[in-house]
Amino acid sequence: MPVYDYVCLDCHKTFELVLSLNEHDNDVPKCPECGSTNVEQEAAAFFAVTSKKS
């Protein structure tokens, strides 16, 4: 399952959540520090590994 990075706009703490795609689309994440639902998903860096075909 994917890991999503969030930042709380109330207490400014960052946290990660492991969510299925369905949970990510339908659930409102809650800050584990203060319990606020005023959170924003952070842009995350990623990379793809591909095989080179000859």
Protein backbone atom coordinates (compact mmCIF):
# COMPACT_ATOMS: atom_id res chain seq x y z
CA MET A 1 0.00 0.00 0.00
CA PRO A 2 1.20 3.54 -0.71
CA VAL A 3 2.57 5.84 1.98
CA TYR A 4 1.21 9.40 1.95
CA ASP A 5 2.88 12.41 3.57
CA TYR A 6 0.71 15.04 5.24
CA VAL A 7 1.24 18.28 7.14
CA CYS A 8 -1.19 19.56 9.77
CA LEU A 9 -2.17 23.16 9.09
CA ASP A 10 -3.04 23.72 12.77
CA CYS A 11 0.03 22.39 14.64
CA HIS A 12 2.40 22.25 11.61
CA LYS A 13 3.52 18.67 12.30
CA THR A 14 4.26 16.33 9.41
CA PHE A 15 3.19 12.69 9.44
CA GLU A 16 2.86 9.67 7.18
CA LEU A 17 -0.12 7.41 6.64
CA VAL A 18 -0.23 4.04 4.90
CA LEU A 19 -3.53 4.01 3.03
CA SER A 20 -5.14 1.95 0.33
CA LEU A 21 -6.22 3.89 -2.75
CA ASN A 22 -9.84 3.62 -1.62
CA GLU A 23 -9.02 4.98 1.87
CA HIS A 24 -6.99 7.83 0.34
CA ASP A 25 -9.90 8.83 -1.90
CA ASN A 26 -12.70 8.50 0.67
CA ASP A 27 -11.33 9.06 4.19
CA VAL A 28 -10.38 12.37 5.83
CA PRO A 29 -6.94 12.02 7.46
CA LYS A 30 -6.52 13.14 11.06
CA CYS A 31 -3.35 14.59 12.61
CA PRO A 32 -1.98 12.11 15.18
CA GLU A 33 -0.49 15.00 17.20
CA CYS A 34 -3.50 17.29 17.73
CA GLY A 35 -6.40 15.36 16.16
CA SER A 36 -7.21 18.06 13.61
CA THR A 37 -8.61 17.17 10.20
CA ASN A 38 -7.21 20.42 8.78
CA VAL A 39 -4.38 18.61 6.97
CA GLU A 40 -2.84 18.91 3.53
CA GLN A 41 -1.05 16.25 1.51
CA GLU A 42 2.56 17.15 0.82
CA ALA A 43 4.11 16.73 -2.59
CA ALA A 44 6.33 13.66 -2.43
CA ALA A 45 9.35 12.82 -4.51
CA PHE A 46 9.37 9.45 -6.21
CA PHE A 47 11.33 7.55 -8.79
CA ALA A 48 10.62 4.69 -11.13
CA VAL A 49 12.92 1.76 -11.68
CA THR A 50 12.76 0.31 -15.15
CA SER A 51 14.75 -2.35 -16.90
CA LYS A 52 16.71 -1.50 -20.01
CA LYS A 53 15.77 -3.66 -22.95
CA SER A 54 18.39 -4.40 -25.56
